[in-house]
């Protein structure tokens, strides 16, 4: 089973690769959770997309994504939008 550092590394690399063309800035690790059965890691990261205009530059919107990873082999299962609480 992988440890928390490995799960975070896989999740952040996955988000960077999948959304590479969208020029993400100010990426942050928000949460990490291991499922009760220890089979899945849930890693939430946030970022701001590079602004496309003045309005976006004045009011950047932080987006949150939760990446689900199998703890046995590090395979990414999903990436979902996570709304802040």
N, C-alpha and C. Protein backbone atom coordinates (compact mmCIF):
# COMPACT_ATOMS: atom_id res chain seq x y z
N UNK A 1 0.84 -1.19 0.00
CA UNK A 1 0.00 0.00 0.00
C UNK A 1 0.88 1.25 0.00
N UNK A 2 0.49 2.22 -0.78
CA UNK A 2 1.28 3.45 -0.87
C UNK A 2 1.01 4.34 0.33
N UNK A 3 1.96 5.22 0.61
CA UNK A 3 1.78 6.15 1.72
C UNK A 3 1.20 7.47 1.21
N UNK A 4 0.93 8.38 2.13
CA UNK A 4 0.28 9.64 1.81
C UNK A 4 1.09 10.49 0.83
N UNK A 5 2.39 10.51 0.98
CA UNK A 5 3.24 11.31 0.08
C UNK A 5 3.14 10.81 -1.36
N UNK A 6 3.11 9.52 -1.52
CA UNK A 6 2.99 8.95 -2.87
C UNK A 6 1.63 9.29 -3.47
N UNK A 7 0.58 9.20 -2.67
CA UNK A 7 -0.76 9.52 -3.16
C UNK A 7 -0.85 10.98 -3.60
N UNK A 8 -0.30 11.87 -2.81
CA UNK A 8 -0.31 13.30 -3.14
C UNK A 8 0.47 13.55 -4.43
N UNK A 9 1.61 12.92 -4.55
CA UNK A 9 2.44 13.08 -5.75
C UNK A 9 1.69 12.62 -7.01
N UNK A 10 1.05 11.47 -6.93
CA UNK A 10 0.30 10.95 -8.06
C UNK A 10 -0.84 11.90 -8.42
N UNK A 11 -1.58 12.36 -7.42
CA UNK A 11 -2.73 13.24 -7.67
C UNK A 11 -2.31 14.57 -8.29
N UNK A 12 -1.28 15.20 -7.75
CA UNK A 12 -0.87 16.50 -8.28
C UNK A 12 -0.31 16.37 -9.69
N UNK A 13 0.44 15.31 -9.93
CA UNK A 13 0.98 15.07 -11.27
C UNK A 13 -0.16 14.82 -12.26
N UNK A 14 -1.17 14.06 -11.84
CA UNK A 14 -2.31 13.76 -12.70
C UNK A 14 -3.05 15.05 -13.08
N UNK A 15 -3.35 15.90 -12.11
CA UNK A 15 -4.05 17.16 -12.38
C UNK A 15 -3.21 18.03 -13.32
N UNK A 16 -1.92 18.13 -13.07
CA UNK A 16 -1.04 18.92 -13.93
C UNK A 16 -1.06 18.41 -15.37
N UNK A 17 -1.02 17.10 -15.54
CA UNK A 17 -0.98 16.52 -16.88
C UNK A 17 -2.32 16.66 -17.60
N UNK A 18 -3.41 16.36 -16.92
CA UNK A 18 -4.73 16.38 -17.55
C UNK A 18 -5.14 17.81 -17.91
N UNK A 19 -4.80 18.76 -17.08
CA UNK A 19 -5.21 20.15 -17.30
C UNK A 19 -4.06 21.04 -17.76
N UNK A 20 -3.02 20.46 -18.33
CA UNK A 20 -1.81 21.19 -18.72
C UNK A 20 -2.09 22.36 -19.66
N UNK A 21 -2.99 22.19 -20.59
CA UNK A 21 -3.27 23.24 -21.57
C UNK A 21 -4.02 24.42 -20.97
N UNK A 22 -4.52 24.28 -19.75
CA UNK A 22 -5.33 25.33 -19.14
C UNK A 22 -4.54 26.26 -18.24
N UNK A 23 -3.24 26.07 -18.15
CA UNK A 23 -2.33 26.97 -17.42
C UNK A 23 -2.82 27.27 -16.01
N UNK A 24 -2.62 26.30 -15.14
CA UNK A 24 -3.03 26.43 -13.75
C UNK A 24 -1.97 27.18 -12.96
N UNK A 25 -2.43 28.01 -12.03
CA UNK A 25 -1.50 28.74 -11.16
C UNK A 25 -1.94 28.58 -9.71
N UNK A 26 -1.02 28.81 -8.81
CA UNK A 26 -1.28 28.78 -7.37
C UNK A 26 -1.93 27.47 -6.92
N UNK A 27 -1.36 26.34 -7.35
CA UNK A 27 -1.88 25.03 -6.95
C UNK A 27 -1.60 24.79 -5.47
N UNK A 28 -2.57 24.18 -4.79
CA UNK A 28 -2.45 23.90 -3.35
C UNK A 28 -3.01 22.52 -3.03
N UNK A 29 -2.39 21.86 -2.08
CA UNK A 29 -2.95 20.65 -1.52
C UNK A 29 -3.96 21.07 -0.47
N UNK A 30 -5.19 20.56 -0.57
CA UNK A 30 -6.25 20.95 0.37
C UNK A 30 -6.55 19.86 1.39
N UNK A 31 -6.75 18.64 0.94
CA UNK A 31 -7.12 17.54 1.84
C UNK A 31 -6.58 16.22 1.32
N UNK A 32 -6.34 15.32 2.26
CA UNK A 32 -5.98 13.94 1.91
C UNK A 32 -6.71 13.02 2.88
N UNK A 33 -7.34 12.00 2.33
CA UNK A 33 -8.08 11.06 3.18
C UNK A 33 -7.92 9.65 2.63
N UNK A 34 -7.71 8.72 3.53
CA UNK A 34 -7.66 7.30 3.19
C UNK A 34 -9.02 6.70 3.54
N UNK A 35 -9.60 5.93 2.62
CA UNK A 35 -10.92 5.33 2.88
C UNK A 35 -10.84 4.39 4.09
N UNK A 36 -11.99 4.14 4.69
CA UNK A 36 -12.04 3.28 5.87
C UNK A 36 -11.48 1.89 5.62
N UNK A 37 -11.69 1.37 4.42
CA UNK A 37 -11.15 0.04 4.08
C UNK A 37 -9.71 0.10 3.57
N UNK A 38 -9.15 1.31 3.52
CA UNK A 38 -7.77 1.57 3.11
C UNK A 38 -7.48 1.18 1.66
N UNK A 39 -8.52 1.13 0.83
CA UNK A 39 -8.32 0.77 -0.57
C UNK A 39 -8.17 1.98 -1.48
N UNK A 40 -8.63 3.15 -1.02
CA UNK A 40 -8.61 4.35 -1.86
C UNK A 40 -8.08 5.56 -1.10
N UNK A 41 -7.33 6.37 -1.83
CA UNK A 41 -6.92 7.69 -1.34
C UNK A 41 -7.79 8.72 -2.05
N UNK A 42 -8.23 9.72 -1.29
CA UNK A 42 -8.96 10.86 -1.85
C UNK A 42 -8.08 12.08 -1.60
N UNK A 43 -7.58 12.65 -2.68
CA UNK A 43 -6.67 13.80 -2.58
C UNK A 43 -7.33 15.00 -3.24
N UNK A 44 -7.55 16.05 -2.47
CA UNK A 44 -8.17 17.26 -3.02
C UNK A 44 -7.11 18.32 -3.21
N UNK A 45 -7.06 18.84 -4.43
CA UNK A 45 -6.14 19.93 -4.77
C UNK A 45 -6.97 21.11 -5.29
N UNK A 46 -6.42 22.28 -5.16
CA UNK A 46 -7.10 23.46 -5.70
C UNK A 46 -6.11 24.26 -6.53
N UNK A 47 -6.67 25.13 -7.37
CA UNK A 47 -5.84 25.95 -8.25
C UNK A 47 -6.70 27.07 -8.80
N UNK A 48 -6.01 28.01 -9.43
CA UNK A 48 -6.66 29.09 -10.16
C UNK A 48 -6.19 28.97 -11.60
N UNK A 49 -7.11 29.12 -12.53
CA UNK A 49 -6.72 29.11 -13.94
C UNK A 49 -6.15 30.48 -14.31
N UNK A 50 -5.18 30.48 -15.21
CA UNK A 50 -4.60 31.75 -15.66
C UNK A 50 -5.71 32.63 -16.21
N UNK A 51 -5.80 33.88 -15.74
CA UNK A 51 -6.89 34.75 -16.20
C UNK A 51 -6.82 35.04 -17.70
N UNK A 52 -8.00 35.10 -18.32
CA UNK A 52 -8.09 35.38 -19.75
C UNK A 52 -8.43 36.83 -20.03
N UNK A 53 -8.78 37.55 -19.01
CA UNK A 53 -9.16 38.95 -19.20
C UNK A 53 -9.11 39.70 -17.88
N UNK A 54 -9.39 40.97 -17.92
CA UNK A 54 -9.32 41.82 -16.74
C UNK A 54 -10.29 41.36 -15.65
N UNK A 55 -11.51 41.01 -16.03
CA UNK A 55 -12.50 40.60 -15.03
C UNK A 55 -12.02 39.37 -14.26
N UNK A 56 -11.46 38.39 -14.96
CA UNK A 56 -10.95 37.19 -14.30
C UNK A 56 -9.72 37.51 -13.46
N UNK A 57 -8.90 38.44 -13.90
CA UNK A 57 -7.70 38.81 -13.15
C UNK A 57 -8.07 39.50 -11.84
N UNK A 58 -9.14 40.28 -11.87
CA UNK A 58 -9.57 40.98 -10.66
C UNK A 58 -10.27 40.06 -9.67
N UNK A 59 -10.94 39.03 -10.19
CA UNK A 59 -11.66 38.09 -9.33
C UNK A 59 -11.32 36.65 -9.70
N UNK A 60 -10.11 36.21 -9.37
CA UNK A 60 -9.77 34.82 -9.72
C UNK A 60 -10.64 33.85 -8.92
N UNK A 61 -11.03 32.77 -9.57
CA UNK A 61 -11.87 31.77 -8.93
C UNK A 61 -11.04 30.52 -8.66
N UNK A 62 -11.01 30.11 -7.40
CA UNK A 62 -10.29 28.89 -7.03
C UNK A 62 -11.19 27.69 -7.32
N UNK A 63 -10.61 26.70 -7.97
CA UNK A 63 -11.32 25.47 -8.29
C UNK A 63 -10.73 24.33 -7.46
N UNK A 64 -11.58 23.37 -7.13
CA UNK A 64 -11.18 22.24 -6.30
C UNK A 64 -11.48 20.94 -7.05
N UNK A 65 -10.52 20.04 -7.04
CA UNK A 65 -10.68 18.73 -7.67
C UNK A 65 -10.25 17.66 -6.67
N UNK A 66 -11.07 16.60 -6.57
CA UNK A 66 -10.70 15.46 -5.75
C UNK A 66 -10.32 14.31 -6.67
N UNK A 67 -9.11 13.82 -6.48
CA UNK A 67 -8.59 12.71 -7.27
C UNK A 67 -8.66 11.45 -6.39
N UNK A 68 -9.26 10.39 -6.92
CA UNK A 68 -9.37 9.13 -6.21
C UNK A 68 -8.35 8.17 -6.79
N UNK A 69 -7.55 7.57 -5.89
CA UNK A 69 -6.42 6.72 -6.30
C UNK A 69 -6.49 5.39 -5.56
N UNK A 70 -6.27 4.29 -6.26
CA UNK A 70 -6.20 2.98 -5.61
C UNK A 70 -4.92 2.93 -4.79
N UNK A 71 -5.04 2.56 -3.53
CA UNK A 71 -3.86 2.54 -2.66
C UNK A 71 -2.93 1.37 -2.97
N UNK A 72 -3.44 0.30 -3.56
CA UNK A 72 -2.61 -0.86 -3.84
C UNK A 72 -1.61 -0.63 -4.97
N UNK A 73 -2.07 0.07 -6.04
CA UNK A 73 -1.19 0.20 -7.21
C UNK A 73 -1.02 1.63 -7.72
N UNK A 74 -1.67 2.61 -7.09
CA UNK A 74 -1.51 3.99 -7.51
C UNK A 74 -2.28 4.39 -8.74
N UNK A 75 -3.19 3.55 -9.19
CA UNK A 75 -3.98 3.85 -10.38
C UNK A 75 -5.05 4.89 -10.05
N UNK A 76 -5.13 5.93 -10.88
CA UNK A 76 -6.14 6.96 -10.68
C UNK A 76 -7.48 6.43 -11.15
N UNK A 77 -8.48 6.54 -10.28
CA UNK A 77 -9.83 6.07 -10.58
C UNK A 77 -10.71 7.17 -11.15
N UNK A 78 -10.55 8.38 -10.59
CA UNK A 78 -11.41 9.48 -11.03
C UNK A 78 -10.84 10.82 -10.58
N UNK A 79 -11.36 11.87 -11.21
CA UNK A 79 -11.12 13.23 -10.78
C UNK A 79 -12.47 13.93 -10.86
N UNK A 80 -12.90 14.46 -9.71
CA UNK A 80 -14.22 15.08 -9.65
C UNK A 80 -14.12 16.51 -9.11
N UNK A 81 -15.09 17.31 -9.49
CA UNK A 81 -15.21 18.66 -8.96
C UNK A 81 -15.61 18.55 -7.50
N UNK A 82 -14.97 19.32 -6.66
CA UNK A 82 -15.35 19.36 -5.26
C UNK A 82 -15.71 20.78 -4.91
N UNK A 83 -16.91 20.97 -4.40
CA UNK A 83 -17.35 22.29 -3.98
C UNK A 83 -16.85 22.55 -2.58
N UNK A 84 -16.30 23.74 -2.30
CA UNK A 84 -15.84 24.04 -0.95
C UNK A 84 -17.00 24.04 0.04
N UNK A 85 -16.73 23.62 1.24
CA UNK A 85 -17.78 23.56 2.27
C UNK A 85 -18.13 24.93 2.78
